Each structure stands twice: as C-alpha cells, then as structure tokens.
Protein backbone atom coordinates (compact mmCIF):
# COMPACT_ATOMS: atom_id res chain seq x y z
CA MET A 1 0.43 0.19 0.27
CA GLN A 2 2.16 3.11 -1.63
CA VAL A 3 0.89 6.27 0.64
CA THR A 4 2.83 8.96 -0.04
CA CYS A 5 3.47 11.39 3.77
CA ALA A 6 2.13 14.72 2.36
CA ALA A 7 -1.26 13.18 1.18
CA LEU A 8 -1.52 12.31 5.41
CA LEU A 9 -1.63 15.61 6.63
CA PRO A 10 -4.66 16.75 8.06
CA HIS A 11 -7.02 18.29 5.84
CA GLY A 12 -6.72 21.80 5.68
CA LEU A 13 -2.90 21.55 6.60
CA THR A 14 -0.36 23.87 4.09
CA MET A 15 3.09 24.62 4.58
CA SER A 16 2.81 28.24 5.54
CA ALA A 17 1.32 26.38 9.14
CA THR A 18 4.67 24.89 9.56
CA SER A 19 4.92 27.15 12.15
CA ARG A 20 2.69 25.16 14.34
CA PHE A 21 2.59 22.39 13.54
CA PRO A 22 6.19 20.43 13.25
CA PHE A 23 5.78 19.37 9.25
CA ALA A 24 9.81 17.53 9.75
CA ALA A 25 9.29 15.83 12.55
CA TYR A 26 5.88 14.11 10.68
CA VAL A 27 6.95 13.40 7.87
CA PHE A 28 10.11 11.50 9.63
CA ALA A 29 8.04 9.81 11.58
CA CYS A 30 5.68 8.39 8.23
CA LEU A 31 8.58 7.67 6.58
CA LEU A 32 9.46 5.26 9.76
CA GLY A 33 6.69 3.99 10.69
CA LEU A 34 6.68 3.27 7.02
CA PHE A 35 9.43 1.70 6.66
CA ALA A 36 8.95 -0.61 9.93
CA LEU A 37 5.53 -1.46 8.50
CA GLY A 38 6.35 -2.47 5.23
CA GLY A 39 9.56 -4.60 6.94
CA PHE A 40 7.86 -6.17 9.10
CA TRP A 41 4.91 -8.09 6.95
CA TYR A 42 7.72 -8.34 4.59
CA GLY A 43 10.44 -10.01 6.95
CA LEU A 44 8.11 -12.22 7.82
CA GLY A 45 6.57 -13.40 4.49
CA GLN A 46 10.04 -13.18 3.05
CA PRO A 47 10.23 -17.17 1.28
CA VAL A 48 13.37 -19.24 1.76
CA ILE A 49 14.68 -21.00 -0.93
CA LEU A 50 15.35 -25.40 0.31
CA PRO A 51 15.99 -27.94 -1.61
CA ASP A 52 13.29 -29.61 -3.10
CA VAL A 53 12.19 -33.50 -2.36
CA ALA A 54 9.11 -34.54 -4.15
CA SER A 55 8.76 -33.63 -8.43
CA ALA A 56 6.75 -35.43 -10.67
CA THR A 57 9.45 -38.19 -11.34
CA HIS A 58 10.45 -38.36 -7.74
CA LYS A 59 7.56 -40.04 -5.47
CA LEU A 60 7.53 -39.75 -1.97
CA GLN A 61 6.65 -42.31 0.19
CA CYS A 62 3.79 -42.93 1.53
CA ALA A 63 1.57 -40.18 3.67
CA SER A 64 -1.38 -39.89 6.14
CA TYR A 65 -4.86 -39.73 4.51
CA THR A 66 -7.98 -38.56 6.50
CA PRO A 67 -10.82 -37.41 3.99
CA PHE A 68 -12.51 -34.72 5.47
CA ASP A 69 -13.84 -31.85 3.96
CA LYS A 70 -12.51 -28.29 5.59
CA ASP A 71 -15.53 -28.14 8.50
CA GLN A 72 -16.07 -31.87 8.66
CA SER A 73 -14.89 -33.91 12.08
CA PRO A 74 -14.99 -37.39 12.57
CA PHE A 75 -17.23 -36.53 15.57
CA ASP A 76 -19.79 -35.35 13.37
CA GLN A 77 -23.63 -37.21 13.36
CA PRO A 78 -24.57 -38.10 11.07
CA PHE A 79 -20.83 -39.70 9.93
CA LYS A 80 -20.85 -39.36 5.84
CA LEU A 81 -17.29 -39.40 3.90
CA ARG A 82 -17.84 -37.85 0.14
CA PRO A 83 -16.53 -40.76 -2.68
CA GLU A 84 -15.85 -37.04 -5.08
CA ARG A 85 -13.51 -35.01 -2.53
CA MET A 86 -11.70 -38.92 -2.03
CA ASP A 87 -11.18 -39.58 -5.50
CA ALA A 88 -10.13 -35.27 -6.34
CA ASP A 89 -7.80 -35.80 -3.04
CA LEU A 90 -6.13 -39.26 -4.00
CA ALA A 91 -5.62 -37.49 -7.81
CA LEU A 92 -3.64 -34.74 -6.01
CA LEU A 93 -1.57 -37.04 -3.57
CA ALA A 94 -0.89 -39.49 -6.96
CA THR A 95 1.84 -36.65 -7.97
CA ARG A 96 3.35 -37.03 -4.64
CA PHE A 97 3.32 -40.18 -3.50
CA GLU A 98 3.23 -43.90 -4.18
CA CYS A 99 1.34 -44.98 -1.17
CA ILE A 100 -1.27 -43.31 1.63
CA ARG A 101 -2.01 -44.39 4.76
CA THR A 102 -5.69 -44.55 6.80
CA TYR A 103 -6.51 -44.63 10.18
CA SER A 104 -10.06 -46.62 9.70
CA MET A 105 -12.33 -48.31 8.09
CA THR A 106 -15.89 -46.48 8.52
CA GLY A 107 -16.39 -44.40 5.73
CA LEU A 108 -14.09 -46.10 3.56
CA GLU A 109 -15.69 -48.23 1.33
CA ALA A 110 -14.55 -46.25 -1.82
CA LEU A 111 -11.10 -45.83 -1.13
CA PRO A 112 -9.52 -49.39 -2.72
CA ASP A 113 -11.06 -48.65 -5.95
CA LEU A 114 -10.16 -45.04 -6.32
CA ALA A 115 -6.89 -45.99 -4.76
CA ARG A 116 -6.33 -48.11 -8.15
CA LYS A 117 -7.92 -46.07 -10.11
CA HIS A 118 -5.18 -43.29 -9.60
CA GLY A 119 -1.98 -45.62 -9.01
CA LEU A 120 -2.19 -45.89 -5.39
CA LYS A 121 -1.38 -48.09 -3.00
CA LEU A 122 -3.03 -48.81 0.62
CA MET A 123 -1.74 -49.36 3.88
CA ILE A 124 -4.69 -49.62 5.80
CA GLY A 125 -6.03 -49.18 9.54
CA ALA A 126 -8.50 -50.80 11.46
CA TRP A 127 -9.42 -48.42 14.50
CA VAL A 128 -9.20 -50.16 18.00
CA ASN A 129 -10.63 -48.11 21.60
CA SER A 130 -11.58 -49.76 24.38
CA ASN A 131 -15.59 -50.64 22.46
CA PRO A 132 -15.03 -53.99 21.51
CA VAL A 133 -17.96 -54.37 19.47
CA ASP A 134 -16.48 -51.45 17.82
CA THR A 135 -13.11 -52.82 17.15
CA ALA A 136 -14.94 -55.95 16.34
CA LYS A 137 -16.12 -54.07 13.36
CA GLU A 138 -13.73 -52.43 12.16
CA VAL A 139 -11.05 -55.06 12.31
CA ASP A 140 -13.79 -57.29 10.58
CA LEU A 141 -13.81 -54.75 7.63
CA LEU A 142 -9.66 -54.38 7.61
CA ILE A 143 -9.86 -58.48 6.88
CA ALA A 144 -12.70 -57.63 4.12
CA SER A 145 -11.02 -54.82 2.20
CA ALA A 146 -7.13 -56.52 2.56
CA ASN A 147 -8.41 -59.74 1.35
CA ALA A 148 -10.94 -58.21 -1.59
CA ASN A 149 -8.22 -56.09 -3.22
CA PRO A 150 -4.89 -57.68 -2.57
CA ASP A 151 -3.34 -55.79 -5.63
CA VAL A 152 -3.97 -52.59 -3.25
CA VAL A 153 -3.21 -53.46 -0.19
CA THR A 154 0.59 -53.71 0.88
CA ALA A 155 -0.12 -53.82 4.91
CA VAL A 156 -2.85 -53.81 7.13
CA ILE A 157 -2.29 -51.52 10.86
CA VAL A 158 -3.59 -53.08 13.94
CA GLY A 159 -4.94 -50.17 15.88
CA ASN A 160 -3.00 -46.50 15.86
CA GLU A 161 -1.57 -45.46 19.22
CA THR A 162 -3.86 -47.30 21.66
CA LEU A 163 -1.34 -48.73 24.25
CA LEU A 164 -1.19 -44.76 24.65
CA ARG A 165 -4.58 -43.83 25.18
CA LYS A 166 -4.43 -46.64 27.97
CA GLU A 167 -7.67 -48.26 25.46
CA VAL A 168 -6.82 -51.67 25.38
CA THR A 169 -3.88 -54.02 27.50
CA GLY A 170 -0.80 -55.36 25.12
CA ALA A 171 -2.26 -58.87 25.99
CA GLN A 172 -5.54 -57.85 24.21
CA LEU A 173 -3.39 -56.33 21.21
CA ALA A 174 -1.61 -58.92 20.35
CA ARG A 175 -4.63 -60.93 20.22
CA LEU A 176 -6.52 -58.69 17.88
CA ILE A 177 -3.15 -58.50 15.50
CA ASN A 178 -2.61 -62.60 15.61
CA LYS A 179 -6.73 -62.74 14.17
CA VAL A 180 -5.46 -60.26 11.80
CA LYS A 181 -2.46 -62.20 10.30
CA SER A 182 -4.32 -65.66 10.73
CA GLN A 183 -6.86 -64.53 8.07
CA VAL A 184 -4.98 -62.00 5.76
CA LYS A 185 -1.75 -62.55 3.48
CA GLN A 186 -0.55 -58.94 3.73
CA PRO A 187 2.30 -57.98 6.94
CA VAL A 188 0.29 -57.13 9.47
CA THR A 189 1.21 -54.22 12.06
CA TYR A 190 0.69 -52.25 15.01
CA ALA A 191 1.39 -48.84 15.26
CA ASP A 192 2.22 -46.03 18.54
CA VAL A 193 4.93 -44.07 19.46
CA TRP A 194 7.82 -45.79 20.21
CA GLU A 195 8.31 -45.45 23.99
CA PHE A 196 5.18 -47.41 24.26
CA TRP A 197 6.84 -50.36 21.85
CA LEU A 198 9.57 -50.18 24.67
CA LYS A 199 6.95 -50.21 27.42
CA HIS A 200 5.05 -53.30 25.52
CA PRO A 201 7.70 -55.40 24.26
CA GLU A 202 5.05 -57.95 24.14
CA ILE A 203 3.85 -56.06 20.94
CA ALA A 204 7.47 -56.62 18.73
CA PRO A 205 6.61 -60.80 18.45
CA ALA A 206 3.01 -60.64 17.04
CA VAL A 207 3.76 -58.51 13.93
CA ASP A 208 5.35 -58.49 11.36
CA PHE A 209 7.47 -55.63 11.02
CA LEU A 210 7.20 -52.39 13.71
CA THR A 211 5.70 -49.02 12.64
CA ILE A 212 6.58 -46.31 15.04
CA HIS A 213 5.56 -42.97 15.81
CA LEU A 214 8.66 -39.99 15.55
CA LEU A 215 6.96 -36.00 16.24
CA PRO A 216 9.68 -33.96 17.95
CA TYR A 217 7.93 -32.00 18.94
CA TRP A 218 5.37 -33.80 20.73
CA GLU A 219 8.26 -35.61 21.93
CA ASP A 220 8.10 -35.28 25.91
CA ASP A 221 11.40 -33.21 26.10
CA PRO A 222 10.39 -31.58 22.77
CA SER A 223 13.76 -30.95 20.10
CA ASN A 224 13.98 -27.52 18.00
CA ILE A 225 14.29 -28.03 14.56
CA ASP A 226 18.20 -27.90 14.17
CA ALA A 227 17.99 -31.42 16.79
CA ALA A 228 14.87 -32.87 15.01
CA LEU A 229 15.98 -34.43 12.52
CA GLN A 230 19.08 -36.03 14.43
CA HIS A 231 17.02 -36.87 17.65
CA VAL A 232 14.82 -39.35 14.76
CA ALA A 233 17.99 -41.01 13.26
CA GLU A 234 19.38 -41.40 16.77
CA VAL A 235 15.48 -43.61 17.85
CA ARG A 236 15.50 -45.10 14.38
CA GLN A 237 19.37 -46.35 15.07
CA VAL A 238 17.84 -48.10 18.11
CA PHE A 239 14.91 -49.75 17.29
CA GLY A 240 17.07 -51.14 14.18
CA ASP A 241 18.99 -52.81 16.69
CA LYS A 242 17.41 -54.06 19.02
CA PHE A 243 14.60 -55.54 16.85
CA ALA A 244 16.19 -56.93 14.20
CA PRO A 245 15.72 -58.38 12.13
CA LYS A 246 12.31 -56.93 12.00
CA ASP A 247 12.22 -54.20 10.27
CA VAL A 248 11.23 -50.80 11.29
CA MET A 249 8.40 -48.58 9.71
CA ILE A 250 8.37 -44.65 10.46
CA GLY A 251 4.81 -44.36 10.91
CA GLU A 252 4.16 -41.07 11.44
CA THR A 253 6.58 -38.01 11.63
CA GLY A 254 6.08 -34.26 10.44
CA TRP A 255 6.19 -30.55 11.87
CA PRO A 256 3.71 -28.23 12.18
CA SER A 257 3.05 -25.39 9.95
CA GLU A 258 1.44 -23.41 12.58
CA GLY A 259 0.64 -22.92 16.66
CA ARG A 260 2.35 -22.68 19.56
CA GLN A 261 5.78 -22.49 21.15
CA ARG A 262 6.99 -25.90 22.78
CA GLU A 263 10.36 -24.90 24.67
CA THR A 264 12.87 -25.00 21.77
CA ALA A 265 10.16 -26.61 18.97
CA LEU A 266 8.54 -23.45 16.94
CA PRO A 267 5.83 -24.38 14.61
CA SER A 268 6.71 -22.58 11.06
CA ARG A 269 5.78 -23.07 7.22
CA VAL A 270 9.33 -22.79 7.14
CA ASN A 271 10.24 -25.14 9.51
CA GLU A 272 7.93 -27.58 8.54
CA ALA A 273 9.44 -27.77 4.99
CA LYS A 274 13.03 -28.02 6.98
CA PHE A 275 12.17 -30.94 9.02
CA ILE A 276 9.89 -32.42 5.88
CA ARG A 277 12.86 -31.85 2.74
CA GLY A 278 16.00 -33.30 5.09
CA PHE A 279 13.90 -36.38 6.96
CA VAL A 280 13.29 -37.77 3.39
CA ALA A 281 16.44 -36.74 2.42
CA MET A 282 18.25 -38.75 5.36
CA ALA A 283 15.60 -41.21 5.24
CA GLU A 284 15.91 -41.96 1.46
CA GLN A 285 19.60 -42.21 1.77
CA GLN A 286 18.92 -44.62 4.80
CA GLY A 287 17.10 -46.72 3.01
CA TRP A 288 14.46 -46.29 5.85
CA HIS A 289 10.26 -46.80 5.46
CA TYR A 290 8.56 -44.04 5.96
CA ASN A 291 4.73 -42.02 6.38
CA LEU A 292 4.53 -38.70 6.10
CA ILE A 293 1.76 -36.89 8.36
CA GLU A 294 -0.39 -36.02 6.91
CA ALA A 295 -1.52 -35.46 3.77
CA PHE A 296 -3.58 -32.26 4.52
CA ASP A 297 -4.57 -29.72 7.55
CA GLN A 298 -7.21 -30.85 9.89
CA PRO A 299 -8.83 -28.50 11.23
CA TRP A 300 -10.86 -30.59 13.58
CA LYS A 301 -7.60 -31.51 15.21
CA ARG A 302 -7.34 -28.25 16.95
CA ALA A 303 -10.16 -29.11 19.42
CA SER A 304 -8.09 -32.03 21.11
CA GLU A 305 -5.20 -30.86 20.73
CA GLY A 306 -5.36 -26.90 20.24
CA ALA A 307 -4.42 -24.34 16.80
CA VAL A 308 -0.84 -26.70 15.92
CA GLY A 309 -3.03 -29.92 15.64
CA GLY A 310 -5.15 -28.54 12.96
CA TYR A 311 -1.83 -27.54 10.90
CA TRP A 312 0.05 -31.07 10.03
CA GLY A 313 -0.53 -31.51 6.18
CA LEU A 314 1.63 -30.99 3.58
CA PHE A 315 -1.66 -28.97 1.60
CA ASP A 316 -3.62 -26.61 3.53
CA ALA A 317 -7.23 -28.22 4.24
CA ASP A 318 -8.76 -26.37 1.08
CA ARG A 319 -5.90 -28.68 -0.85
CA GLN A 320 -3.79 -25.81 -2.36
CA ASP A 321 0.03 -26.67 -1.84
CA LYS A 322 1.68 -24.84 0.82
CA GLY A 323 5.26 -25.06 0.14
CA VAL A 324 6.41 -27.92 2.34
CA LEU A 325 7.96 -30.54 -0.12
CA ALA A 326 8.97 -28.69 -3.65
CA GLY A 327 10.04 -25.14 -3.99
CA PRO A 328 9.63 -21.68 -2.18
CA VAL A 329 8.03 -21.84 1.20
CA SER A 330 6.78 -18.62 3.21
CA ASN A 331 5.77 -18.45 6.55
CA VAL A 332 3.53 -15.76 5.12
CA PRO A 333 2.61 -16.21 2.01
CA TYR A 334 -1.03 -13.91 1.89
CA TRP A 335 1.85 -11.60 3.94
CA SER A 336 0.79 -8.68 1.74
CA GLN A 337 -2.95 -8.50 3.07
CA TRP A 338 -2.01 -8.03 5.90
CA LEU A 339 0.51 -5.44 5.22
CA GLY A 340 -2.16 -3.95 3.40
CA VAL A 341 -4.72 -4.13 6.29
CA GLY A 342 -1.82 -2.50 8.33
CA GLY A 343 -2.26 0.52 5.92
CA LEU A 344 -5.26 1.37 6.33
CA ILE A 345 -5.12 1.37 9.87
CA PHE A 346 -1.83 3.57 10.03
CA LEU A 347 -3.45 6.12 7.67
CA GLY A 348 -6.59 5.66 9.54
CA THR A 349 -4.82 6.38 13.34
CA LEU A 350 -3.33 9.58 11.45
CA ILE A 351 -6.48 10.76 10.56
CA LEU A 352 -8.07 10.57 13.34
CA GLY A 353 -5.50 11.93 15.60
CA GLY A 354 -5.22 15.40 12.89
CA ARG A 355 -3.14 18.12 13.49
CA VAL A 356 -1.33 17.12 16.69
CA ARG A 357 -0.55 19.31 19.82
CA ASN A 358 3.85 19.35 19.61
CA THR A 359 6.45 17.99 17.95
CA ARG A 360 7.31 15.03 20.11
CA ALA A 361 3.47 14.33 19.57
CA ALA A 362 4.08 14.56 15.85
CA LEU A 363 6.70 11.61 15.84
CA VAL A 364 5.14 9.30 17.86
CA LEU A 365 1.62 9.38 16.57
CA PRO A 366 2.57 7.96 13.00
CA LEU A 367 4.67 5.17 15.31
CA LEU A 368 1.71 4.44 17.39
CA GLY A 369 0.23 3.78 13.96
CA ALA A 370 2.94 1.09 12.65
CA LEU A 371 2.64 -0.71 16.01
CA ALA A 372 -1.03 -0.54 15.97
CA ALA A 373 -0.84 -2.19 12.43
CA CYS A 374 2.25 -4.59 12.73
CA SER A 375 0.19 -5.56 16.05
CA LEU A 376 -3.34 -5.75 15.04
CA GLY A 377 -2.19 -7.43 11.75
CA ALA A 378 -0.33 -10.81 13.64
CA TRP A 379 -2.82 -11.30 16.41
CA GLY A 380 -5.11 -11.32 13.08
CA ASP A 381 -3.08 -13.58 11.11
CA LEU A 382 -2.49 -15.53 14.96
CA ALA A 383 -7.07 -15.53 15.03
CA ARG A 384 -6.71 -16.98 12.00
CA VAL A 385 -5.08 -20.18 13.31
CA THR A 386 -6.41 -20.17 16.94
CA THR A 387 -9.63 -19.75 16.54
CA ARG A 388 -12.28 -22.19 15.67
CA PHE A 389 -15.43 -22.21 17.98
CA THR A 390 -17.89 -19.09 18.59
CA SER A 391 -16.26 -18.69 21.98
CA GLU A 392 -12.50 -18.17 20.50
CA TRP A 393 -14.18 -15.79 17.86
CA LEU A 394 -15.81 -13.40 20.21
CA TRP A 395 -12.25 -13.49 22.47
CA VAL A 396 -10.96 -12.23 19.02
CA ALA A 397 -13.40 -9.61 18.53
CA LEU A 398 -13.04 -8.85 22.22
CA LEU A 399 -9.60 -8.39 22.07
CA THR A 400 -9.88 -6.34 18.69
CA ALA A 401 -12.16 -4.20 19.58
CA LEU A 402 -10.24 -2.97 23.04
CA ASN A 403 -7.09 -2.36 21.05
CA LEU A 404 -9.04 -0.22 18.65
CA LEU A 405 -10.78 1.70 21.38
CA VAL A 406 -7.04 2.26 22.75
CA LEU A 407 -5.87 2.95 19.66
CA ALA A 408 -8.40 5.81 19.31
CA HIS A 409 -7.83 6.84 22.72
CA ALA A 410 -4.35 7.35 21.93
CA ALA A 411 -4.32 9.16 18.96
CA LEU A 412 -7.27 11.57 20.42
CA THR A 413 -4.77 12.10 23.39
CA LEU A 414 -1.68 13.51 21.18
CA SER A 415 -4.68 15.56 18.95
CA ALA A 416 -4.34 19.33 19.31
CA ARG A 417 -7.85 18.70 19.85
CA THR A 418 -10.33 21.42 18.26
CA GLY A 419 -14.26 20.23 17.54
CA TRP A 420 -15.56 17.03 17.66
CA ARG A 421 -11.83 15.15 18.46
CA GLU A 422 -12.24 17.26 21.62
CA ARG A 423 -15.43 15.98 22.63
CA ALA A 424 -14.53 12.23 21.44
CA PHE A 425 -11.85 13.14 23.46
CA ASN A 426 -13.01 13.98 26.91
CA ALA A 427 -15.97 10.95 26.59
CA PHE A 428 -12.76 8.48 26.12
CA GLU A 429 -11.49 10.01 28.71
CA ARG A 430 -14.45 9.08 31.04
CA ARG A 431 -14.78 5.96 30.25
CA SER A 432 -10.61 4.89 29.88
CA GLY A 433 -10.34 3.57 33.89
CA GLY A 434 -12.83 0.63 32.59
CA LEU A 435 -11.15 0.12 29.38
CA LEU A 436 -8.05 -0.42 31.11
CA ALA A 437 -10.00 -3.01 33.80
CA LEU A 438 -11.30 -5.13 31.10
CA ILE A 439 -8.28 -4.72 29.16
CA GLY A 440 -6.38 -6.21 32.50
CA PHE A 441 -9.17 -9.04 33.12
CA ALA A 442 -8.67 -10.48 29.58
CA ALA A 443 -5.10 -10.12 30.57
CA ALA A 444 -5.66 -11.71 33.24
CA VAL A 445 -7.57 -14.82 32.05
CA SER A 446 -4.82 -15.46 29.63
CA MET A 447 -2.05 -15.44 32.24
CA LEU A 448 -4.62 -18.10 34.55
CA GLU A 449 -5.23 -20.07 31.48
CA LEU A 450 -0.54 -20.15 30.36
CA VAL A 451 -0.24 -21.02 33.96
CA PHE A 452 -2.73 -23.36 34.98
CA ASP A 453 -3.56 -24.94 31.46
CA PRO A 454 -0.81 -24.08 28.66
CA ARG A 455 -0.12 -27.42 26.50
CA TYR A 456 -2.68 -26.27 23.56
CA ARG A 457 -2.52 -22.79 24.21
CA SER A 458 -1.45 -19.61 22.35
CA PHE A 459 0.66 -16.81 23.06
CA PRO A 460 -2.08 -14.36 23.07
CA SER A 461 1.30 -11.56 23.31
CA VAL A 462 0.71 -9.31 20.10
CA ALA A 463 -3.02 -8.91 21.14
CA PHE A 464 -1.98 -6.56 24.64
CA ILE A 465 1.32 -5.12 23.37
CA VAL A 466 -0.37 -1.21 21.98
CA PRO A 467 -2.46 -0.90 25.32
CA ALA A 468 0.44 -1.97 28.10
CA LEU A 469 2.38 0.96 26.31
CA VAL A 470 -0.65 3.18 25.93
CA TYR A 471 -1.41 3.05 29.49
CA LEU A 472 2.14 2.62 30.60
CA CYS A 473 3.27 5.96 29.32
CA ARG A 474 -0.26 7.99 30.05
CA PRO A 475 -1.82 6.12 32.95
CA VAL A 476 -5.32 6.47 33.80
CA SER A 477 -7.46 7.10 36.58
CA VAL A 478 -8.99 3.44 37.83
CA PRO A 479 -11.02 1.04 40.48
CA ARG A 480 -8.71 0.36 42.81
CA ARG A 481 -9.34 -2.82 44.45
CA GLU A 482 -10.27 -4.56 41.10
CA ILE A 483 -7.16 -3.67 39.65
CA ALA A 484 -4.89 -4.49 42.17
CA LEU A 485 -6.25 -7.96 41.84
CA LEU A 486 -5.79 -7.88 38.87
CA THR A 487 -2.11 -6.09 38.65
CA PHE A 488 -1.19 -9.07 41.07
CA ILE A 489 -2.13 -11.82 39.02
CA ILE A 490 -0.57 -11.15 35.78
CA GLY A 491 2.45 -10.42 38.10
CA ALA A 492 2.55 -13.53 39.96
CA GLY A 493 1.63 -15.70 36.93
CA ILE A 494 5.17 -14.95 34.39
CA ALA A 495 7.79 -16.69 36.55
CA PRO A 496 5.46 -19.86 37.20
CA GLN A 497 4.75 -19.60 33.10
CA LEU A 498 8.45 -18.93 31.96
CA PHE A 499 8.92 -22.65 34.52
CA ARG A 500 6.47 -24.79 32.49
CA GLU A 501 7.08 -23.26 29.70
CA GLY A 502 11.55 -23.31 29.78
CA LEU A 503 13.87 -20.69 29.51
CA GLU A 504 14.70 -21.38 26.11
CA ASN A 505 11.22 -20.15 24.47
CA GLN A 506 11.17 -17.43 22.55
CA GLN A 507 7.21 -16.78 22.76
CA ALA A 508 6.65 -17.68 26.64
CA TRP A 509 9.97 -14.91 27.05
CA GLY A 510 7.85 -12.42 24.98
CA TRP A 511 4.63 -13.59 26.55
CA ALA A 512 6.00 -12.55 29.77
CA LEU A 513 7.66 -8.94 28.85
CA VAL A 514 4.15 -7.95 27.14
CA SER A 515 2.95 -9.17 30.91
CA GLY A 516 5.71 -6.82 32.79
CA LEU A 517 4.38 -4.10 30.63
CA MET A 518 0.94 -5.01 31.38
CA VAL A 519 1.80 -4.86 35.41
CA ALA A 520 3.77 -1.26 34.98
CA ALA A 521 0.93 0.21 32.94
CA LEU A 522 -2.21 -1.24 35.91
CA TRP A 523 1.15 -0.05 38.62
CA ARG A 524 1.18 3.59 37.53
CA SER A 525 -2.59 3.64 36.76
CA LEU A 526 -2.82 2.83 40.48
CA ARG A 527 -0.66 5.59 41.76
CA VAL A 528 -2.37 8.59 39.72
CA ARG A 529 -5.45 10.19 41.95
CA LYS A 530 -8.94 10.44 41.14
CA ALA A 531 -9.66 13.93 40.53
C-alpha cells in the first residue's frame, strides 16, 4: 500500500502552517512508520529456498490421509464421507506419493477402487478402542478389504496409539494382531509412539514389522528444528538394532506449520519444510520405510490438540500446496494482504489524530499507528490459526475492539483536539478506567490459562502490546481494588508460566515481557489520584 506522507497531512494543513505544525518531524515519523510496517510483513513473508524432495519424476513413499472436508470432523453425526472428495484428493496425492496410510475403515469403502484408479497403494488401518463391538467391526472390515484388494493393500495396521490412550492392554492387542495375521496375506503391524513399543515388548513378536511414530515437536522433551532430525536418526537406529531382523517403519513423522512453541520447538511453514525435506533426504539415503503426517491440514484436531493440531498437512485444508515438499516456502505467504490491512490502520490513526499538539506528538502518532498496524495484523493472523468456535471468535472480537478503542484514545490524546475530536477525547477520558480494567481482566484470564492449562493454548502477546505501552506512558484513573487484583494475578503468573514453558521458549519470553509491561501500566494507573 503506497501512501505519501504529504497525502497523510490533516485536511487543511499547508506548508504555511509549519510554524504551528512540526512538519519535518511528522514526515520523518511517517516514513519511519511506513518503513517499519513494510519491513515487518516482508520479513515475515519472505520466501526461503530449500532443496526440493518431490517432483513429477520423484514420488515419496507414503502419507497419512483422512478424507474430511475443511469443516468436517470424525465426531460429526451423521458421519458421511464424500467419494468425490476422496477421488479429488487421491488424484492430487498421486502426483507426490506412491501410497497413503489410513486409520479407520468406517466410511472408506470406496477408497481401494479410487486408489487403484490413481495408481496408489494403501496401508489400511483398523481403529482399535476400548469398545469391543466397535473394534470387532473395524477389524472385520479390515480383513475383508485386505482380502478383496490384494493388488492395492500392501500392509494392514491393527490399531493406532491404542496403548498410548490406554484403551486396551498389550495382551488384548497382541491377540487382535494374531487374529488378523491368520486371516490376511499382507504384512500386519501396529502403530504407536516409539516409547510405547519399549513399554510393551510383548507386541513386537506379534507383528511382521514395527511401525513407530516419531514426532519431535510432541516429545516430552521437544527438539528444536536443528536437533529434530538427529533425534529421529538416533531413535531409528536404536529400534533398528533392538528389533532386528524385523523391519522398522517410521509410521508418522512431521512438523506443524502453525501453533504455539513448545520449549525450543517452533511451528512454522519454513520449519515444516526444513524438517520434511531433511527427513526425506535422510530416509532415502538410509533406505528407511516411512510415512509422513499428514496429507492435508485437519482443522477438527484443534478441538483436542489446540491450534497446532490442525496444521500438520503438506497441503492446507483447502487442498492448496503449502510449499512443504518443493519450491520456495514462506511463513506468511499472504503477507501483502496483512500489509494492506496494516496500511489502513496506519492511515486511520493519522486521520483520527489530525493536527498534533507538538513535536513529540508528531513523532509519536505515526509510530503508534505503525505499531498498532503490525500488532493488530499479527493478532489477526494468530486468530486465523487459533479460532474455530463461536466463543473463540467472540474473544478475538473483544480483544480487537479493545485495541482499536485504545488506539483511538491514544490518537486523540496526541491530537490538538478541536471540535469533534475534543468531544470524543472527553468521552474516552471518562471511560478510560473501565477500558483499562477490561484489558487487565483479559490479560489476567490469559495468564491464568497459560499457567494452569497451557499445553494447547497460544500466546496472545500481540493483542496486549499497544494497550500496555499506551497506558504505561499515560496512566489513567482506575477502580483501585479491581486493578490491584488484576495486577497481582498477571505479575504473579510471569515466573510460573516461564518455568512451565522453559527458559528457551521465545514465545513465552515474549508473553512475559508484554505481561511485565501490562503490570507496570496497571501499577502506574493505581498511583493516579482521582480528580
């Protein structure tokens, strides 16, 4: 969005007014603000070039596939999958993969014929849970499909992370595996996180090969992107040695493209591409069998895993390429759109402020507008990732509205204030204590969530930067008891949340810093005496 500083001058201002209006300072701050705004979004969106691992002539081994539409969930009632969706998905996946892995038999009756049509092989799975009736139905369908489609089904998987969920015992699972082995000709396996194979050694003798899940982001001790591949290689080596001569397949590995940081493990599109491309190169060099998780983003997983659960796909939920396997990859490919939104916020701030009061205000107003444009854009991008339910959207709307009100109040404070601007400023002044109390309450709720239930929650730091800085620089009269309590909650939570997240978590430090600014802002307002 190209805007000249001359065009941003308040209506009616001419060069002859420079004796009253600090024109040079205003222009300098405008240029600096525009430069910061453009640099912020370009820096986030700049494409990164990595070695390709997939092409029309080089297909990868296998990818996890669940055929849900963007807004579908396995918990929907009635449960219905569309064959036309599966047909289109498999046509797309056939350009990149030799096979796909499934997790359940329910609703997938059309899949073998579609896989045959598109030249794909299948690793089909039966969903094993604590309900013996449901499990028996899944196993029977698994056996029938494997026997009816020997040209397409290359292996069968009896259960996925069932031991992790503690839904059956190891002995029960081994009996199910042996039942399936006696009735199909394909190799039979079970899939679980690698630690659970070590905790249940009775399973290994029952399977034809082991299928282990290796997800460095979800480890109890998460690995950062630079150490993740080494961790995968070390675990794979341990299993290869321990369970030889049986083969070991890495049945799930990948990296999330969006979501909260866990210790040093940071989700991003670039990090997902780094991990996947590095892993594929290593696996093909070592001759490993592997399956990538997963083909498409699954928004429904956000309900149980937080925002990060919905963004493990190589393609997004709309079936658009995320650039994970080949080509340039950007963390924010739509950065220019957010730059446009930011430009409107920046321009709106300048128009609302109008003619400023002095040189300091001439410097501060454009920089405030640029900061708000960056933080609100970042908040909008975070909301795009994290929000799915009505309550979440209401929370986003509340924090967005509070930010805009604070921005308007600050712009009017810096204004020379005549006419309607004076009346609007006075209205904000009368309500400023309540506005800060609402912001403090939202910050306190966020802090309590990140202290007591943080695993699946994202850090809302960008939603509080502008309010914290505005009221730190200009404290207002507030209801003392309520603000004192909110100040205590936010301040007392800083150390515990840092302890839980680990001192290497940059997002946690960002939240700690913003929380500290909010505490300082609230504390300064507590010291303001009512007129």
